[in-house]
Amino acid sequence: MFHKFIRGLKAMELEDQIFHAAVLLCTIGVFLPWFGGQWYGNSESWNGLNFYTGYTGRLILVIQLFLLVLLVSPMLGGPVIVRRSSKALLRLVLSGITFLSLLNAFGVLIRVTFEISGPDIRFGIYVCIISSLVATFYATLRYQMQQRLKSEGHFRHPDEPGVVAHSHHHENETVPLAPPPPPPPPLSAEDHHPYSS
């Protein structure tokens, strides 16, 4: 099962590999220090699940784990949670929510550093912001690629191979068309008498 999972990772396109690596890095970044320093005379440090941004950190962690489950579940023989036609849009929406939530949390931490001297912003939130930005960028690329392929499929000539005739099939499912019938056999010389009486 582990070898099947590794083969599935290697078979993914480069954009998908970078996207999932960024999601994994963002997940790890939630557990790294986001904020710390001298807090009312004591040395403190908080990760993404603590301090004032704890709710945002938990939301980000849940989103990142869900994105990883979307990848891991089919590779390990589990159920396909989201249809392939909807996966690119879902990735884009969740990555965008993560990035905007991280910017909001970063704004909160900056405000705290202005109001209280001593603590400062740590590297964990920077890891999350950068990896979330990369994930959002590659999710956008995959979504645009999917939309382009879908629009090209609408404008293909019906005689091209792999074009789906309008039927009850799902989106992105290619059904080979039947070959055209052979031409009629040529007439023999005795049957071909134009203008004969």
Protein backbone atom coordinates (compact mmCIF):
# COMPACT_ATOMS: atom_id res chain seq x y z
CA MET A 1 0.00 0.00 0.00
CA PHE A 2 2.87 2.37 0.81
CA HIS A 3 4.51 1.64 -2.57
CA LYS A 4 1.20 2.36 -4.31
CA PHE A 5 1.03 5.69 -2.49
CA ILE A 6 4.59 6.60 -3.53
CA ARG A 7 3.85 5.63 -7.15
CA GLY A 8 0.74 7.81 -7.05
CA LEU A 9 2.77 10.77 -5.79
CA LYS A 10 5.36 10.33 -8.54
CA ALA A 11 2.64 10.04 -11.19
CA MET A 12 1.11 13.42 -10.24
CA GLU A 13 1.79 16.43 -12.39
CA LEU A 14 4.36 18.95 -11.14
CA GLU A 15 1.72 21.57 -10.29
CA ASP A 16 -0.13 19.09 -8.06
CA GLN A 17 3.09 18.03 -6.35
CA ILE A 18 4.01 21.64 -5.55
CA PHE A 19 0.46 22.38 -4.36
CA HIS A 20 0.40 19.45 -1.94
CA ALA A 21 3.93 20.17 -0.71
CA ALA A 22 2.82 23.74 0.08
CA VAL A 23 -0.29 22.43 1.88
CA LEU A 24 1.85 20.07 3.96
CA LEU A 25 4.28 22.88 4.81
CA CYS A 26 1.39 25.13 5.86
CA THR A 27 0.08 22.34 8.10
CA ILE A 28 3.48 22.04 9.78
CA GLY A 29 3.70 25.84 10.08
CA VAL A 30 0.59 25.93 12.28
CA PHE A 31 2.57 24.08 14.99
CA LEU A 32 5.61 26.36 14.71
CA PRO A 33 5.93 29.52 16.87
CA TRP A 34 3.82 32.41 15.56
CA PHE A 35 4.26 34.88 18.38
CA GLY A 36 6.51 35.22 21.39
CA GLY A 37 8.92 37.20 23.48
CA GLN A 38 8.67 39.04 26.77
CA TRP A 39 5.01 39.05 27.85
CA TYR A 40 4.55 41.11 31.02
CA GLY A 41 7.99 40.12 32.29
CA ASN A 42 7.80 36.43 31.32
CA SER A 43 9.29 34.78 28.23
CA GLU A 44 6.41 33.24 26.26
CA SER A 45 5.92 31.61 22.88
CA TRP A 46 2.68 30.67 21.09
CA ASN A 47 2.07 28.61 17.99
CA GLY A 48 -0.85 28.94 15.56
CA LEU A 49 -3.25 27.09 17.86
CA ASN A 50 -2.75 29.41 20.83
CA PHE A 51 -2.91 33.11 21.66
CA TYR A 52 -5.50 35.46 20.10
CA THR A 53 -5.17 33.80 16.70
CA GLY A 54 -5.96 30.30 17.99
CA TYR A 55 -9.34 30.07 16.24
CA THR A 56 -7.79 31.11 12.95
CA GLY A 57 -5.01 28.57 13.41
CA ARG A 58 -7.50 25.77 14.07
CA LEU A 59 -9.51 26.72 10.98
CA ILE A 60 -6.36 26.68 8.85
CA LEU A 61 -5.31 23.32 10.29
CA VAL A 62 -8.71 21.77 9.50
CA ILE A 63 -8.64 23.12 5.93
CA GLN A 64 -5.10 21.87 5.28
CA LEU A 65 -5.86 18.42 6.70
CA PHE A 66 -8.97 18.20 4.51
CA LEU A 67 -6.92 19.10 1.42
CA LEU A 68 -4.41 16.37 2.33
CA VAL A 69 -7.21 13.83 2.87
CA LEU A 70 -8.52 14.63 -0.63
CA LEU A 71 -5.14 13.48 -1.93
CA VAL A 72 -4.41 10.55 0.36
CA SER A 73 -7.81 8.84 0.52
CA PRO A 74 -8.05 7.63 -3.13
CA MET A 75 -4.37 6.67 -3.19
CA LEU A 76 -4.79 4.38 -0.19
CA GLY A 77 -7.91 2.74 -1.57
CA GLY A 78 -10.37 4.92 0.32
CA PRO A 79 -13.39 6.75 -1.06
CA VAL A 80 -13.18 9.62 -3.52
CA ILE A 81 -14.53 12.47 -1.40
CA VAL A 82 -14.89 15.09 -4.15
CA ARG A 83 -15.51 14.51 -7.85
CA ARG A 84 -12.60 15.28 -10.13
CA SER A 85 -14.55 17.98 -11.98
CA SER A 86 -15.10 19.92 -8.72
CA LYS A 87 -11.71 19.33 -7.09
CA ALA A 88 -9.82 22.21 -8.75
CA LEU A 89 -12.43 24.79 -7.75
CA LEU A 90 -12.62 23.44 -4.19
CA ARG A 91 -8.82 23.61 -3.85
CA LEU A 92 -8.82 27.18 -5.09
CA VAL A 93 -11.57 28.30 -2.70
CA LEU A 94 -10.03 26.61 0.35
CA SER A 95 -6.54 27.87 -0.45
CA GLY A 96 -7.88 31.40 -0.87
CA ILE A 97 -9.72 31.20 2.47
CA THR A 98 -6.52 29.99 4.13
CA PHE A 99 -4.43 32.80 2.69
CA LEU A 100 -6.92 35.52 3.64
CA SER A 101 -7.29 34.06 7.16
CA LEU A 102 -3.52 34.09 7.59
CA LEU A 103 -3.32 37.73 6.48
CA ASN A 104 -6.02 38.54 9.02
CA ALA A 105 -4.11 36.73 11.80
CA PHE A 106 -0.91 38.50 10.78
CA GLY A 107 -2.71 41.84 11.09
CA VAL A 108 -3.86 40.94 14.60
CA LEU A 109 -0.33 40.01 15.65
CA ILE A 110 1.09 43.24 14.22
CA ARG A 111 -1.48 45.22 16.17
CA VAL A 112 -0.51 43.44 19.40
CA THR A 113 3.18 44.20 18.84
CA PHE A 114 2.33 47.90 18.43
CA GLU A 115 0.31 47.96 21.65
CA ILE A 116 2.66 45.91 23.84
CA SER A 117 6.42 46.24 23.78
CA GLY A 118 8.49 43.07 24.13
CA PRO A 119 6.80 40.32 22.09
CA ASP A 120 7.38 39.91 18.37
CA ILE A 121 6.11 37.88 15.42
CA ARG A 122 7.92 34.56 14.94
CA PHE A 123 8.80 32.60 11.80
CA GLY A 124 5.91 30.09 11.97
CA ILE A 125 3.32 32.46 10.58
CA TYR A 126 5.67 33.48 7.78
CA VAL A 127 6.03 29.81 6.81
CA CYS A 128 2.24 29.49 6.72
CA ILE A 129 1.71 32.68 4.71
CA ILE A 130 4.33 31.86 2.07
CA SER A 131 3.25 28.23 1.68
CA SER A 132 -0.41 29.28 1.53
CA LEU A 133 0.40 31.83 -1.16
CA VAL A 134 2.21 29.15 -3.20
CA ALA A 135 -0.72 26.74 -2.76
CA THR A 136 -3.21 29.41 -3.85
CA PHE A 137 -1.11 30.25 -6.90
CA TYR A 138 -0.88 26.64 -8.07
CA ALA A 139 -4.55 26.00 -7.28
CA THR A 140 -5.36 28.95 -9.53
CA LEU A 141 -3.17 27.52 -12.29
CA ARG A 142 -4.88 24.13 -12.09
CA TYR A 143 -8.33 25.69 -12.12
CA GLN A 144 -7.51 27.84 -15.16
CA MET A 145 -6.07 24.80 -16.93
CA GLN A 146 -9.22 22.81 -16.23
CA GLN A 147 -11.44 25.63 -17.49
CA ARG A 148 -9.35 25.98 -20.65
CA LEU A 149 -9.57 22.26 -21.40
CA LYS A 150 -13.32 22.36 -20.79
CA SER A 151 -13.79 25.30 -23.16
CA GLU A 152 -11.62 23.68 -25.81
CA GLY A 153 -13.77 20.56 -25.52
CA HIS A 154 -16.87 22.60 -26.38
CA PHE A 155 -15.32 23.96 -29.58
CA ARG A 156 -13.83 20.77 -30.98
CA HIS A 157 -15.07 19.40 -34.28
CA PRO A 158 -17.27 16.32 -33.80
CA ASP A 159 -15.03 14.26 -36.14
CA GLU A 160 -11.98 14.66 -33.89
CA PRO A 161 -11.07 11.54 -31.88
CA GLY A 162 -12.03 11.54 -28.22
CA VAL A 163 -14.88 14.02 -28.55
CA VAL A 164 -17.90 13.09 -26.50
CA ALA A 165 -21.27 13.10 -28.13
CA HIS A 166 -23.98 14.75 -26.00
CA SER A 167 -25.32 12.00 -23.79
CA HIS A 168 -25.68 11.05 -20.14
CA HIS A 169 -21.90 10.89 -19.48
CA HIS A 170 -20.17 12.89 -16.76
CA GLU A 171 -17.99 15.91 -17.48
CA ASN A 172 -14.39 15.26 -18.49
CA GLU A 173 -15.26 11.68 -19.44
CA THR A 174 -14.07 10.87 -22.94
CA VAL A 175 -15.88 8.21 -24.87
CA PRO A 176 -14.35 7.03 -28.16
CA LEU A 177 -16.70 7.46 -31.08
CA ALA A 178 -17.53 4.58 -33.40
CA PRO A 179 -15.58 4.60 -36.69
CA PRO A 180 -17.53 5.77 -39.75
CA PRO A 181 -19.08 3.04 -41.93
CA PRO A 182 -16.98 1.85 -44.89
CA PRO A 183 -17.77 3.29 -48.32
CA PRO A 184 -19.95 1.19 -50.67
CA PRO A 185 -18.08 -1.14 -53.02
CA PRO A 186 -17.43 0.20 -56.53
CA LEU A 187 -19.82 -0.89 -59.30
CA SER A 188 -18.61 -3.50 -61.72
CA ALA A 189 -18.18 -2.63 -65.41
CA GLU A 190 -21.28 -4.54 -66.56
CA ASP A 191 -23.52 -2.79 -64.03
CA HIS A 192 -22.34 0.64 -65.08
CA HIS A 193 -24.28 1.51 -68.28
CA PRO A 194 -25.29 5.10 -68.30
CA TYR A 195 -27.76 6.12 -70.98
CA SER A 196 -28.27 2.54 -72.12
CA SER A 197 -31.70 1.56 -73.44
